[in-house]
N, C-alpha and C. Protein backbone atom coordinates (compact mmCIF):
# COMPACT_ATOMS: atom_id res chain seq x y z
N MET A 1 150.21 70.90 176.47
CA MET A 1 150.85 71.00 177.78
C MET A 1 152.35 70.71 177.63
N VAL A 2 153.15 71.46 178.32
CA VAL A 2 154.60 71.32 178.25
C VAL A 2 155.04 70.20 179.18
N HIS A 3 155.99 69.39 178.72
CA HIS A 3 156.49 68.28 179.51
C HIS A 3 157.75 68.71 180.25
N TYR A 4 157.79 68.49 181.57
CA TYR A 4 158.97 68.76 182.37
C TYR A 4 159.70 67.45 182.61
N SER A 5 161.01 67.53 182.81
CA SER A 5 161.80 66.31 182.98
C SER A 5 161.58 65.67 184.35
N LEU A 6 161.02 66.40 185.28
CA LEU A 6 160.81 65.90 186.63
C LEU A 6 159.45 66.37 187.12
N ASP A 7 158.74 65.48 187.78
CA ASP A 7 157.48 65.87 188.41
C ASP A 7 157.75 66.17 189.88
N PRO A 8 157.18 67.26 190.41
CA PRO A 8 157.43 67.58 191.82
C PRO A 8 156.82 66.52 192.74
N LYS A 9 157.45 66.34 193.90
CA LYS A 9 156.98 65.34 194.85
C LYS A 9 155.60 65.69 195.38
N ASN A 10 155.39 66.97 195.65
CA ASN A 10 154.09 67.45 196.14
C ASN A 10 153.62 68.58 195.23
N PRO A 11 152.80 68.27 194.21
CA PRO A 11 152.40 69.31 193.24
C PRO A 11 151.63 70.47 193.83
N THR A 12 150.95 70.25 194.96
CA THR A 12 150.18 71.35 195.56
C THR A 12 151.08 72.38 196.24
N LYS A 13 152.30 71.98 196.60
CA LYS A 13 153.24 72.89 197.27
C LYS A 13 154.36 73.33 196.33
N SER A 14 154.20 73.11 195.02
CA SER A 14 155.25 73.42 194.05
C SER A 14 154.72 74.29 192.92
N CYS A 15 155.64 74.97 192.25
CA CYS A 15 155.30 75.74 191.06
C CYS A 15 156.42 75.59 190.04
N LYS A 16 156.07 75.75 188.77
CA LYS A 16 157.02 75.52 187.68
C LYS A 16 157.18 76.78 186.84
N SER A 17 158.30 76.81 186.13
CA SER A 17 158.56 77.89 185.18
C SER A 17 159.58 77.40 184.17
N ARG A 18 159.47 77.89 182.94
CA ARG A 18 160.45 77.48 181.92
C ARG A 18 160.61 78.55 180.86
N GLY A 19 161.74 78.52 180.19
CA GLY A 19 162.01 79.40 179.07
C GLY A 19 162.58 78.58 177.93
N SER A 20 162.13 78.82 176.72
CA SER A 20 162.58 78.04 175.56
C SER A 20 163.31 78.92 174.57
N ASN A 21 164.34 78.33 173.95
CA ASN A 21 165.15 79.00 172.92
C ASN A 21 165.64 80.37 173.36
N LEU A 22 166.18 80.43 174.57
CA LEU A 22 166.70 81.68 175.10
C LEU A 22 168.07 81.95 174.49
N CYS A 23 168.28 83.15 174.03
CA CYS A 23 169.52 83.50 173.34
C CYS A 23 170.59 83.87 174.37
N VAL A 24 171.02 82.87 175.12
CA VAL A 24 172.05 83.03 176.13
C VAL A 24 172.88 81.75 176.12
N TYR A 25 174.19 81.86 176.35
CA TYR A 25 175.07 80.70 176.22
C TYR A 25 174.64 79.54 177.12
N PHE A 26 174.63 78.35 176.54
CA PHE A 26 174.22 77.15 177.27
C PHE A 26 175.17 76.83 178.41
N LYS A 27 176.47 76.82 178.14
CA LYS A 27 177.45 76.37 179.14
C LYS A 27 177.48 77.30 180.35
N ASN A 28 177.49 78.60 180.10
CA ASN A 28 177.48 79.56 181.21
C ASN A 28 176.21 79.44 182.04
N THR A 29 175.08 79.27 181.36
CA THR A 29 173.80 79.19 182.05
C THR A 29 173.71 77.91 182.86
N ARG A 30 174.26 76.82 182.34
CA ARG A 30 174.25 75.55 183.07
C ARG A 30 175.03 75.67 184.37
N GLU A 31 176.19 76.28 184.33
CA GLU A 31 177.02 76.43 185.53
C GLU A 31 176.34 77.36 186.54
N THR A 32 175.72 78.43 186.06
CA THR A 32 175.03 79.36 186.96
C THR A 32 173.83 78.69 187.60
N ALA A 33 173.11 77.89 186.83
CA ALA A 33 171.93 77.20 187.35
C ALA A 33 172.32 76.17 188.41
N GLN A 34 173.41 75.44 188.19
CA GLN A 34 173.84 74.46 189.18
C GLN A 34 174.25 75.12 190.48
N THR A 35 174.74 76.35 190.40
CA THR A 35 175.15 77.06 191.61
C THR A 35 173.95 77.45 192.46
N ILE A 36 172.84 77.87 191.82
CA ILE A 36 171.68 78.32 192.60
C ILE A 36 170.72 77.18 192.95
N LYS A 37 171.00 75.98 192.49
CA LYS A 37 170.13 74.84 192.79
C LYS A 37 170.12 74.57 194.29
N GLY A 38 168.92 74.46 194.87
CA GLY A 38 168.78 74.21 196.30
C GLY A 38 168.75 75.47 197.14
N MET A 39 168.95 76.63 196.53
CA MET A 39 168.95 77.90 197.28
C MET A 39 167.52 78.38 197.52
N HIS A 40 167.38 79.21 198.55
CA HIS A 40 166.13 79.92 198.80
C HIS A 40 165.97 80.97 197.71
N ILE A 41 164.75 81.30 197.33
CA ILE A 41 164.51 82.17 196.18
C ILE A 41 165.09 83.57 196.39
N ARG A 42 165.01 84.10 197.60
CA ARG A 42 165.57 85.44 197.87
C ARG A 42 167.09 85.42 197.83
N LYS A 43 167.68 84.35 198.37
CA LYS A 43 169.13 84.22 198.36
C LYS A 43 169.65 84.08 196.93
N ALA A 44 168.90 83.34 196.10
CA ALA A 44 169.31 83.13 194.70
C ALA A 44 169.26 84.43 193.92
N THR A 45 168.22 85.23 194.10
CA THR A 45 168.12 86.50 193.37
C THR A 45 169.23 87.46 193.82
N LYS A 46 169.54 87.46 195.11
CA LYS A 46 170.62 88.32 195.61
C LYS A 46 171.96 87.85 195.05
N TYR A 47 172.16 86.54 195.00
CA TYR A 47 173.41 86.00 194.47
C TYR A 47 173.58 86.36 192.99
N LEU A 48 172.51 86.23 192.20
CA LEU A 48 172.59 86.55 190.77
C LEU A 48 172.84 88.04 190.55
N LYS A 49 172.29 88.87 191.44
CA LYS A 49 172.56 90.31 191.34
C LYS A 49 174.02 90.59 191.65
N ASP A 50 174.58 89.87 192.64
CA ASP A 50 176.00 90.03 192.97
C ASP A 50 176.90 89.56 191.83
N VAL A 51 176.46 88.55 191.09
CA VAL A 51 177.25 88.06 189.95
C VAL A 51 177.32 89.13 188.87
N THR A 52 176.20 89.81 188.61
CA THR A 52 176.22 90.87 187.59
C THR A 52 177.09 92.04 188.02
N LEU A 53 177.20 92.26 189.34
CA LEU A 53 178.05 93.34 189.86
C LEU A 53 179.47 92.87 190.14
N THR A 54 179.80 91.64 189.80
CA THR A 54 181.09 90.97 190.02
C THR A 54 181.53 90.98 191.48
N LYS A 55 180.58 90.84 192.40
CA LYS A 55 180.90 90.71 193.82
C LYS A 55 181.07 89.24 194.21
N GLN A 56 180.36 88.34 193.51
CA GLN A 56 180.49 86.90 193.71
C GLN A 56 180.64 86.25 192.35
N CYS A 57 181.39 85.15 192.28
CA CYS A 57 181.59 84.50 190.99
C CYS A 57 180.76 83.22 190.91
N VAL A 58 180.67 82.70 189.70
CA VAL A 58 180.04 81.40 189.46
C VAL A 58 181.15 80.38 189.27
N PRO A 59 181.20 79.33 190.10
CA PRO A 59 182.25 78.32 189.90
C PRO A 59 181.96 77.48 188.67
N PHE A 60 182.94 77.31 187.80
CA PHE A 60 182.78 76.52 186.59
C PHE A 60 183.38 75.14 186.84
N CYS A 61 182.53 74.16 187.05
CA CYS A 61 182.99 72.81 187.43
C CYS A 61 183.06 71.87 186.23
N ARG A 62 182.08 71.88 185.34
CA ARG A 62 182.07 70.96 184.21
C ARG A 62 182.67 71.59 182.96
N TYR A 63 182.09 72.68 182.52
CA TYR A 63 182.56 73.33 181.29
C TYR A 63 183.61 74.38 181.68
N ASN A 64 184.82 73.91 182.04
CA ASN A 64 185.80 74.83 182.58
C ASN A 64 187.06 74.94 181.73
N GLY A 65 186.99 74.53 180.46
CA GLY A 65 188.15 74.68 179.58
C GLY A 65 188.37 76.14 179.24
N GLY A 66 189.56 76.65 179.54
CA GLY A 66 189.87 78.04 179.25
C GLY A 66 189.31 79.03 180.23
N VAL A 67 188.72 78.55 181.32
CA VAL A 67 188.18 79.44 182.34
C VAL A 67 189.29 79.77 183.33
N GLY A 68 189.48 81.03 183.61
CA GLY A 68 190.55 81.45 184.50
C GLY A 68 190.22 81.21 185.96
N ARG A 69 191.25 81.35 186.79
CA ARG A 69 191.07 81.17 188.22
C ARG A 69 190.72 82.49 188.87
N CYS A 70 189.94 82.44 189.94
CA CYS A 70 189.62 83.65 190.68
C CYS A 70 189.49 83.31 192.16
N ALA A 71 189.80 84.26 193.00
CA ALA A 71 189.79 84.05 194.45
C ALA A 71 188.38 83.85 194.98
N GLN A 72 187.38 84.43 194.29
CA GLN A 72 186.00 84.32 194.76
C GLN A 72 185.46 82.90 194.67
N ALA A 73 186.10 82.06 193.87
CA ALA A 73 185.64 80.67 193.73
C ALA A 73 185.97 79.83 194.94
N LYS A 74 186.83 80.33 195.84
CA LYS A 74 187.22 79.57 197.02
C LYS A 74 186.03 79.26 197.93
N GLN A 75 185.06 80.18 197.98
CA GLN A 75 183.92 79.95 198.87
C GLN A 75 183.05 78.78 198.41
N TRP A 76 183.21 78.36 197.16
CA TRP A 76 182.48 77.20 196.64
C TRP A 76 183.36 75.95 196.64
N GLY A 77 184.60 76.08 197.11
CA GLY A 77 185.51 74.95 197.13
C GLY A 77 186.05 74.63 195.75
N TRP A 78 186.23 75.64 194.95
CA TRP A 78 186.70 75.46 193.58
C TRP A 78 187.73 76.54 193.27
N THR A 79 188.42 76.40 192.15
CA THR A 79 189.44 77.40 191.80
C THR A 79 189.05 78.24 190.59
N GLN A 80 188.28 77.66 189.66
CA GLN A 80 187.94 78.38 188.44
C GLN A 80 186.56 79.01 188.55
N GLY A 81 186.44 80.23 188.10
CA GLY A 81 185.15 80.91 188.16
C GLY A 81 185.09 82.08 187.20
N GLN A 82 183.88 82.48 186.86
CA GLN A 82 183.64 83.64 186.00
C GLN A 82 182.39 84.36 186.47
N TRP A 83 182.08 85.44 185.78
CA TRP A 83 180.91 86.25 186.08
C TRP A 83 180.04 86.34 184.82
N PRO A 84 179.27 85.27 184.49
CA PRO A 84 178.45 85.30 183.26
C PRO A 84 177.27 86.26 183.42
N LYS A 85 177.45 87.47 182.94
CA LYS A 85 176.47 88.54 183.16
C LYS A 85 175.12 88.23 182.52
N LYS A 86 175.14 87.78 181.27
CA LYS A 86 173.88 87.56 180.56
C LYS A 86 173.08 86.42 181.19
N SER A 87 173.76 85.36 181.60
CA SER A 87 173.08 84.25 182.29
C SER A 87 172.49 84.72 183.61
N ALA A 88 173.24 85.57 184.31
CA ALA A 88 172.77 86.08 185.60
C ALA A 88 171.65 87.09 185.43
N GLU A 89 171.42 87.58 184.21
CA GLU A 89 170.29 88.46 183.96
C GLU A 89 169.06 87.68 183.50
N PHE A 90 169.25 86.53 182.83
CA PHE A 90 168.13 85.73 182.35
C PHE A 90 167.49 84.90 183.46
N LEU A 91 168.31 84.31 184.33
CA LEU A 91 167.77 83.43 185.37
C LEU A 91 166.83 84.14 186.35
N PRO A 92 167.09 85.40 186.77
CA PRO A 92 166.11 86.06 187.64
C PRO A 92 164.75 86.27 186.98
N LEU A 93 164.74 86.40 185.65
CA LEU A 93 163.45 86.55 184.96
C LEU A 93 162.62 85.28 185.10
N ILE A 94 163.28 84.13 184.99
CA ILE A 94 162.55 82.86 185.14
C ILE A 94 162.18 82.63 186.59
N LEU A 95 163.06 83.05 187.52
CA LEU A 95 162.73 82.97 188.95
C LEU A 95 161.51 83.84 189.27
N LYS A 96 161.47 85.03 188.69
CA LYS A 96 160.33 85.94 188.92
C LYS A 96 159.04 85.34 188.37
N ASN A 97 159.13 84.69 187.20
CA ASN A 97 157.97 84.04 186.61
C ASN A 97 157.46 82.91 187.52
N ALA A 98 158.38 82.12 188.06
CA ALA A 98 158.00 81.04 188.96
C ALA A 98 157.40 81.60 190.25
N GLU A 99 157.95 82.71 190.71
CA GLU A 99 157.42 83.35 191.92
C GLU A 99 155.99 83.84 191.69
N ASN A 100 155.73 84.41 190.51
CA ASN A 100 154.37 84.86 190.17
C ASN A 100 153.41 83.67 190.06
N ASN A 101 153.91 82.56 189.51
CA ASN A 101 153.08 81.35 189.43
C ASN A 101 152.75 80.84 190.82
N ALA A 102 153.71 80.91 191.74
CA ALA A 102 153.47 80.47 193.12
C ALA A 102 152.46 81.38 193.81
N ASP A 103 152.56 82.67 193.55
CA ASP A 103 151.62 83.63 194.13
C ASP A 103 150.21 83.37 193.62
N LEU A 104 150.11 83.05 192.33
CA LEU A 104 148.81 82.74 191.73
C LEU A 104 148.22 81.46 192.31
N LYS A 105 149.10 80.51 192.65
CA LYS A 105 148.67 79.24 193.23
C LYS A 105 148.32 79.36 194.71
N GLY A 106 148.72 80.47 195.33
CA GLY A 106 148.44 80.68 196.74
C GLY A 106 149.51 80.14 197.67
N LEU A 107 150.73 79.97 197.17
CA LEU A 107 151.82 79.48 198.00
C LEU A 107 152.51 80.65 198.71
N ASP A 108 153.20 80.34 199.80
CA ASP A 108 153.96 81.35 200.52
C ASP A 108 155.26 81.62 199.76
N VAL A 109 155.39 82.81 199.20
CA VAL A 109 156.51 83.14 198.32
C VAL A 109 157.82 83.20 199.09
N ASP A 110 157.79 83.57 200.38
CA ASP A 110 159.01 83.72 201.15
C ASP A 110 159.63 82.40 201.58
N SER A 111 158.93 81.29 201.39
CA SER A 111 159.49 80.00 201.80
C SER A 111 159.76 79.09 200.60
N LEU A 112 159.94 79.68 199.42
CA LEU A 112 160.20 78.88 198.22
C LEU A 112 161.69 78.55 198.08
N VAL A 113 161.96 77.31 197.70
CA VAL A 113 163.33 76.83 197.49
C VAL A 113 163.40 76.23 196.09
N ILE A 114 164.53 76.43 195.41
CA ILE A 114 164.71 75.87 194.06
C ILE A 114 165.02 74.39 194.21
N GLU A 115 164.02 73.56 193.96
CA GLU A 115 164.18 72.12 194.10
C GLU A 115 164.85 71.51 192.88
N HIS A 116 164.44 71.97 191.69
CA HIS A 116 164.95 71.39 190.44
C HIS A 116 165.18 72.51 189.45
N ILE A 117 166.35 72.48 188.81
CA ILE A 117 166.62 73.43 187.73
C ILE A 117 167.46 72.68 186.70
N GLN A 118 167.07 72.83 185.45
CA GLN A 118 167.75 72.10 184.38
C GLN A 118 167.90 73.00 183.18
N VAL A 119 169.08 72.91 182.57
CA VAL A 119 169.38 73.70 181.37
C VAL A 119 169.73 72.72 180.26
N ASN A 120 169.00 72.80 179.15
CA ASN A 120 169.24 71.93 178.00
C ASN A 120 169.64 72.76 176.79
N LYS A 121 170.34 72.13 175.85
CA LYS A 121 170.71 72.81 174.62
C LYS A 121 169.48 72.95 173.73
N ALA A 122 169.33 74.11 173.12
CA ALA A 122 168.28 74.35 172.13
C ALA A 122 168.93 74.26 170.74
N PRO A 123 168.13 74.16 169.68
CA PRO A 123 168.72 74.10 168.34
C PRO A 123 169.59 75.33 168.05
N GLN A 124 170.76 75.07 167.49
CA GLN A 124 171.67 76.17 167.19
C GLN A 124 171.16 77.00 166.02
N MET A 125 171.46 78.29 166.07
CA MET A 125 171.09 79.17 164.97
C MET A 125 172.34 79.50 164.16
N ARG A 126 172.17 79.60 162.84
CA ARG A 126 173.31 79.75 161.94
C ARG A 126 173.50 81.18 161.49
N ARG A 127 174.77 81.56 161.46
CA ARG A 127 175.19 82.76 160.73
C ARG A 127 176.47 82.38 160.02
N ARG A 128 177.07 83.29 159.30
CA ARG A 128 178.32 82.97 158.62
C ARG A 128 179.33 84.07 158.83
N THR A 129 180.57 83.66 158.83
CA THR A 129 181.66 84.62 158.92
C THR A 129 182.57 84.41 157.72
N TYR A 130 183.06 85.50 157.20
CA TYR A 130 183.84 85.46 155.96
C TYR A 130 185.33 85.43 156.30
N ARG A 131 186.05 84.49 155.68
CA ARG A 131 187.46 84.30 155.96
C ARG A 131 188.31 84.70 154.75
N ALA A 132 189.58 84.53 154.90
CA ALA A 132 190.50 84.88 153.80
C ALA A 132 190.35 83.89 152.66
N HIS A 133 190.76 84.30 151.49
CA HIS A 133 190.76 83.47 150.28
C HIS A 133 189.35 82.97 149.92
N ARG A 134 188.36 83.82 150.10
CA ARG A 134 186.97 83.58 149.73
C ARG A 134 186.35 82.36 150.42
N ARG A 135 186.78 82.10 151.62
CA ARG A 135 186.17 80.99 152.36
C ARG A 135 185.11 81.53 153.31
N ILE A 136 184.17 80.64 153.69
CA ILE A 136 183.11 81.00 154.62
C ILE A 136 183.07 79.92 155.71
N ASN A 137 183.01 80.36 156.95
CA ASN A 137 182.89 79.43 158.07
C ASN A 137 181.58 79.67 158.81
N PRO A 138 181.07 78.65 159.49
CA PRO A 138 179.85 78.85 160.27
C PRO A 138 180.12 79.72 161.50
N TYR A 139 179.09 80.42 161.92
CA TYR A 139 179.16 81.30 163.07
C TYR A 139 177.90 81.00 163.88
N MET A 140 177.98 79.93 164.71
CA MET A 140 176.79 79.37 165.35
C MET A 140 176.57 79.98 166.74
N SER A 141 175.31 80.04 167.13
CA SER A 141 174.98 80.44 168.50
C SER A 141 174.56 79.20 169.28
N SER A 142 174.65 79.27 170.60
CA SER A 142 174.33 78.12 171.46
C SER A 142 173.22 78.50 172.44
N PRO A 143 171.98 78.60 171.97
CA PRO A 143 170.88 78.95 172.88
C PRO A 143 170.53 77.79 173.79
N CYS A 144 169.65 78.04 174.76
CA CYS A 144 169.32 76.99 175.73
C CYS A 144 167.86 77.07 176.15
N ASN A 145 167.39 75.96 176.72
CA ASN A 145 166.07 75.87 177.34
C ASN A 145 166.30 75.72 178.85
N ILE A 146 165.55 76.45 179.64
CA ILE A 146 165.68 76.39 181.10
C ILE A 146 164.34 76.00 181.70
N GLU A 147 164.37 75.06 182.63
CA GLU A 147 163.16 74.73 183.38
C GLU A 147 163.50 74.65 184.86
N MET A 148 162.58 75.11 185.69
CA MET A 148 162.82 75.04 187.14
C MET A 148 161.53 74.75 187.88
N ILE A 149 161.69 74.11 189.03
CA ILE A 149 160.58 73.80 189.91
C ILE A 149 160.93 74.34 191.29
N LEU A 150 160.05 75.18 191.83
CA LEU A 150 160.22 75.73 193.18
C LEU A 150 159.26 75.01 194.12
N THR A 151 159.73 74.72 195.31
CA THR A 151 158.91 74.01 196.30
C THR A 151 158.86 74.81 197.58
N GLU A 152 157.70 74.79 198.21
CA GLU A 152 157.51 75.48 199.48
C GLU A 152 158.06 74.61 200.60
N LYS A 153 159.03 75.13 201.34
CA LYS A 153 159.63 74.39 202.45
C LYS A 153 159.41 75.16 203.73
N GLU A 154 159.11 74.41 204.80
CA GLU A 154 158.97 75.04 206.10
C GLU A 154 160.35 75.10 206.74
N ILE A 155 160.70 76.27 207.23
CA ILE A 155 161.98 76.44 207.91
C ILE A 155 161.73 76.17 209.40
N VAL A 156 162.29 75.07 209.88
CA VAL A 156 162.09 74.66 211.26
C VAL A 156 163.24 75.20 212.10
N PRO A 157 162.94 76.05 213.09
CA PRO A 157 164.03 76.56 213.93
C PRO A 157 164.54 75.44 214.84
N LYS A 158 165.86 75.45 215.08
CA LYS A 158 166.46 74.43 215.94
C LYS A 158 166.15 74.76 217.40
N PRO A 159 165.84 73.74 218.19
CA PRO A 159 165.67 73.99 219.62
C PRO A 159 166.99 74.46 220.24
N GLU A 160 166.89 75.27 221.30
CA GLU A 160 168.09 75.83 221.91
C GLU A 160 168.97 74.77 222.55
N GLU A 161 168.37 73.66 222.99
CA GLU A 161 169.16 72.60 223.61
C GLU A 161 170.14 72.00 222.60
N GLU A 162 169.67 71.76 221.39
CA GLU A 162 170.52 71.17 220.36
C GLU A 162 171.63 72.14 219.95
N VAL A 163 171.32 73.43 219.92
CA VAL A 163 172.32 74.43 219.55
C VAL A 163 173.45 74.43 220.56
N ALA A 164 173.12 74.30 221.84
CA ALA A 164 174.14 74.29 222.88
C ALA A 164 175.00 73.02 222.78
N GLN A 165 174.40 71.89 222.40
CA GLN A 165 175.14 70.63 222.32
C GLN A 165 176.05 70.58 221.09
N GLU A 166 175.80 71.40 220.09
CA GLU A 166 176.59 71.36 218.87
C GLU A 166 178.03 71.79 219.09
N LYS A 167 178.29 72.60 220.13
CA LYS A 167 179.65 73.05 220.39
C LYS A 167 180.49 71.85 220.83
N LYS A 168 181.58 71.64 220.13
CA LYS A 168 182.43 70.49 220.40
C LYS A 168 183.39 70.80 221.55
N ILE A 169 183.64 69.77 222.35
CA ILE A 169 184.57 69.89 223.46
C ILE A 169 185.79 69.03 223.13
N SER A 170 186.97 69.57 223.35
CA SER A 170 188.19 68.84 223.01
C SER A 170 188.39 67.65 223.96
N GLN A 171 189.20 66.71 223.51
CA GLN A 171 189.48 65.51 224.31
C GLN A 171 190.15 65.89 225.63
N LYS A 172 191.00 66.89 225.59
CA LYS A 172 191.73 67.31 226.78
C LYS A 172 190.75 67.82 227.85
N LYS A 173 189.77 68.64 227.42
CA LYS A 173 188.79 69.16 228.37
C LYS A 173 187.91 68.05 228.92
N LEU A 174 187.55 67.09 228.07
CA LEU A 174 186.74 65.96 228.53
C LEU A 174 187.46 65.17 229.62
N LYS A 175 188.77 64.93 229.41
CA LYS A 175 189.55 64.19 230.41
C LYS A 175 189.64 64.97 231.72
N LYS A 176 189.80 66.31 231.63
CA LYS A 176 189.85 67.13 232.84
C LYS A 176 188.53 67.07 233.60
N GLN A 177 187.43 67.11 232.85
CA GLN A 177 186.11 67.04 233.48
C GLN A 177 185.90 65.70 234.17
N LYS A 178 186.36 64.62 233.56
CA LYS A 178 186.22 63.30 234.17
C LYS A 178 187.05 63.21 235.44
N LEU A 179 188.28 63.76 235.42
CA LEU A 179 189.14 63.72 236.59
C LEU A 179 188.53 64.52 237.75
N THR A 180 188.00 65.71 237.45
CA THR A 180 187.39 66.52 238.51
C THR A 180 186.12 65.86 239.02
N ALA A 181 185.39 65.17 238.15
CA ALA A 181 184.16 64.49 238.59
C ALA A 181 184.48 63.30 239.49
N GLN A 182 185.60 62.61 239.23
CA GLN A 182 185.99 61.44 240.03
C GLN A 182 186.47 61.86 241.41
N GLU A 183 187.08 63.04 241.54
CA GLU A 183 187.64 63.48 242.82
C GLU A 183 186.62 64.01 243.74
């Protein structure tokens, strides 16, 4: 049995999926995974498709050395972003696997949310590159392991009374209302 780093709070309403030794960059995949964490499964797949089409970017918050700035990162409250195509192609495969596991378990697929997603480094694979003056340098790859847990969440619609109260009234209008009420 495979060990996950986190156990779901309610195992009957959750499903798991993982990929090991995936030949995709660890750093790019980590940033992409952190972006989709907490998203609804349909929203996450649409977002990853937009990343491959360069319509939305992935904000690079931790591993951002040498990452350029882009205007699309503003929607995430960040300045640096990229479009890691290979990571955005691997993550939907794991999402699809988790979705199939949820379907097999009898969960409602349309109400799944990504509760936990983690990307770990896998053992590096070696190659060599030949340099000048008969020297040889390593040419390493950085594969990764991905694990995710999806949880079934009920979407509770807000009552209409609360929606009406959410609109803020300025201090000036409040004072006018008090004055008219006193008169």
